Protein backbone atom coordinates (compact mmCIF):
# COMPACT_ATOMS: atom_id res chain seq x y z
CA MET A 1 -7.06 -13.26 -16.91
CA SER A 2 -9.30 -11.33 -14.57
CA PHE A 3 -9.62 -8.04 -12.88
CA LEU A 4 -11.60 -7.10 -9.37
CA THR A 5 -14.92 -5.46 -10.05
CA SER A 6 -15.79 -2.46 -7.68
CA ASP A 7 -18.23 -5.08 -5.91
CA GLU A 8 -15.62 -7.65 -5.73
CA TRP A 9 -13.37 -4.54 -3.98
CA SER A 10 -16.47 -3.89 -1.77
CA LEU A 11 -16.58 -7.57 -0.53
CA LEU A 12 -13.01 -8.19 -0.02
CA GLN A 13 -13.05 -4.62 1.98
CA SER A 14 -15.32 -5.63 4.10
CA HIS A 15 -13.21 -8.05 5.61
CA ILE A 16 -10.45 -6.30 6.08
CA PRO A 17 -10.42 -4.77 9.64
CA ARG A 18 -11.06 -1.00 9.75
CA GLU A 19 -7.90 -0.34 11.00
CA HIS A 20 -6.22 -1.50 7.77
CA ARG A 21 -8.22 -0.24 5.01
CA PRO A 22 -5.90 2.90 4.60
CA LEU A 23 -3.06 0.72 3.19
CA PHE A 24 -5.43 -1.30 1.22
CA ASP A 25 -7.70 1.22 -0.36
CA PHE A 26 -3.46 3.09 -1.13
CA LEU A 27 -2.66 -0.41 -2.74
CA LEU A 28 -5.51 -0.26 -4.93
CA ALA A 29 -5.09 3.52 -6.01
CA THR A 30 -1.54 3.15 -6.82
CA GLY A 31 -0.98 -0.47 -7.86
CA VAL A 32 2.47 -0.73 -5.62
CA ARG A 33 3.88 -3.99 -4.25
CA PHE A 34 2.87 -4.32 -0.33
CA SER A 35 6.68 -4.19 0.46
CA GLU A 36 7.08 -0.91 -1.01
CA ALA A 37 4.04 0.71 0.29
CA THR A 38 4.59 -0.62 3.95
CA ALA A 39 8.41 0.84 3.79
CA LEU A 40 6.76 4.62 3.01
CA HIS A 41 7.62 7.67 4.74
CA ALA A 42 6.10 11.11 5.01
CA ARG A 43 8.95 12.31 3.10
CA ASP A 44 8.15 10.03 0.01
CA PHE A 45 4.60 12.21 -0.05
CA SER A 46 4.30 15.23 -1.96
CA THR A 47 1.20 17.54 -3.42
CA ASP A 48 1.26 20.19 -5.87
CA ARG A 49 -0.32 23.73 -6.06
CA ASN A 50 -3.30 22.10 -7.39
CA GLY A 51 -3.34 19.28 -4.33
CA GLN A 52 -2.68 16.31 -6.89
CA PHE A 53 -0.67 13.83 -4.57
CA SER A 54 2.58 11.94 -5.65
CA VAL A 55 4.85 9.75 -4.00
CA ARG A 56 7.80 8.51 -4.63
CA ILE A 57 9.22 5.10 -4.22
CA VAL A 58 12.41 4.57 -3.76
CA CYS A 59 12.78 2.03 -0.96
CA ALA A 60 10.98 -1.56 -0.07
CA TRP A 61 10.98 -4.24 2.38
CA SER A 62 13.00 -7.50 1.67
CA ARG A 63 14.48 -9.89 4.17
CA THR A 64 18.35 -10.77 4.78
CA GLU A 65 20.06 -14.44 4.53
CA SER A 66 19.29 -14.71 8.16
CA ASN A 67 15.51 -13.62 7.33
CA GLN A 68 15.53 -10.46 8.84
CA PRO A 69 13.41 -7.78 7.51
CA VAL A 70 15.21 -4.64 6.32
CA ILE A 71 14.78 -2.03 4.33
CA GLY A 72 16.73 -1.92 0.57
CA PRO A 73 16.24 -0.94 -3.24
CA PRO A 74 13.06 -2.01 -4.92
CA LYS A 75 12.57 -5.03 -6.36
CA THR A 76 13.51 -3.75 -10.07
CA LYS A 77 15.49 -0.33 -11.46
CA LYS A 78 12.08 0.37 -12.66
CA SER A 79 10.56 0.07 -9.12
CA ARG A 80 11.94 3.37 -8.59
CA ARG A 81 9.13 5.87 -9.92
CA THR A 82 7.11 8.74 -9.00
CA ILE A 83 3.26 7.62 -8.82
CA HIS A 84 0.16 10.06 -9.55
CA VAL A 85 -2.06 9.05 -6.20
CA ALA A 86 -6.29 9.57 -6.88
CA THR A 87 -6.94 12.95 -5.11
CA ARG A 88 -9.41 10.20 -2.61
CA ALA A 89 -6.57 7.62 -1.54
CA GLY A 90 -4.11 10.41 -0.76
CA GLU A 91 -6.76 12.05 1.26
CA SER A 92 -7.49 8.85 2.85
CA VAL A 93 -3.65 8.48 4.00
CA VAL A 94 -3.24 12.36 5.18
CA GLU A 95 -3.66 11.81 8.72
CA LEU A 96 -1.39 8.87 8.92
CA ILE A 97 0.97 11.19 6.68
CA ARG A 98 1.08 13.94 9.16
CA ALA A 99 1.64 11.52 12.13
CA SER A 100 4.48 9.99 10.23
CA GLN A 101 5.96 13.91 9.82
CA THR A 102 5.58 13.80 13.71
CA THR A 103 7.14 10.79 14.38
CA GLY A 104 9.24 10.14 11.39
CA GLU A 105 8.28 6.80 11.69
CA HIS A 106 6.88 4.97 8.53
CA VAL A 107 3.40 5.75 7.10
CA PHE A 108 1.51 2.79 7.76
CA LEU A 109 2.66 1.02 11.46
CA SER A 110 0.89 -1.87 12.89
CA GLN A 111 -1.60 -2.01 15.56
CA SER A 112 1.29 -1.58 17.98
CA GLY A 113 3.28 1.34 16.27
CA LYS A 114 5.76 -0.88 14.61
CA PRO A 115 7.05 -0.55 11.09
CA PHE A 116 4.14 -2.91 9.17
CA GLU A 117 5.72 -5.79 7.53
CA HIS A 118 4.90 -6.60 4.48
CA ASN A 119 4.29 -10.16 4.90
CA ARG A 120 1.79 -9.01 7.65
CA ALA A 121 -0.22 -7.44 4.85
CA TRP A 122 -0.21 -9.97 2.91
CA LYS A 123 -1.71 -12.17 6.10
CA ILE A 124 -4.46 -9.64 6.14
CA TRP A 125 -5.04 -10.05 2.09
CA ASP A 126 -5.28 -13.78 2.12
CA LYS A 127 -7.07 -13.89 4.84
CA ALA A 128 -10.02 -11.06 3.43
CA VAL A 129 -9.72 -13.39 0.35
CA LYS A 130 -10.85 -16.65 1.67
CA SER A 131 -13.03 -14.95 4.12
CA ALA A 132 -15.09 -13.67 1.42
CA GLN A 133 -14.82 -17.13 -0.82
CA MET A 134 -12.97 -15.07 -3.61
CA SER A 135 -9.94 -16.16 -5.89
CA THR A 136 -8.02 -13.36 -7.12
CA HIS A 137 -4.42 -12.46 -8.07
CA GLY A 138 -4.30 -9.42 -6.20
CA LEU A 139 -4.95 -5.37 -5.75
CA ARG A 140 -1.78 -4.16 -8.46
CA LEU A 141 -3.86 -5.95 -11.45
CA ARG A 142 -6.95 -4.00 -10.78
CA PHE A 143 -4.86 -0.80 -11.06
CA ARG A 144 -3.54 -1.60 -14.55
CA SER A 145 -6.69 -2.60 -15.84
CA THR A 146 -7.88 0.78 -14.58
CA LYS A 147 -4.90 2.78 -16.59
CA ARG A 148 -5.17 1.88 -20.16
């Protein structure tokens, strides 16, 4: 099993469009699934009096039987969790959280201002991996490797 190194992440990041980097930085820092991150609202984030960011994962995108995107519970019962987010990663999404508070929309939106469906995130990720000529399982492995 291999994990992303800092150099590999830098290479991949250079192939991710700038407007989508906050999402992918957040994914790397937290290890949440695409479907969980793209379902987040401002109300899912909090900071304590010391400035420590946390995010509650309580929902995720999935598909109905007719293949329509819908937000529902996360993948498993254990997927409902609170994650402490590194300050740097939390700060990278502060403006997106503020916009979400103002609009009531999701934190991570598409360029058209619509909810950022997780399948779109996968397409961006796959394109970056191919453009960087890399083979990797994904961001969650990197997160797990840094938490051991």
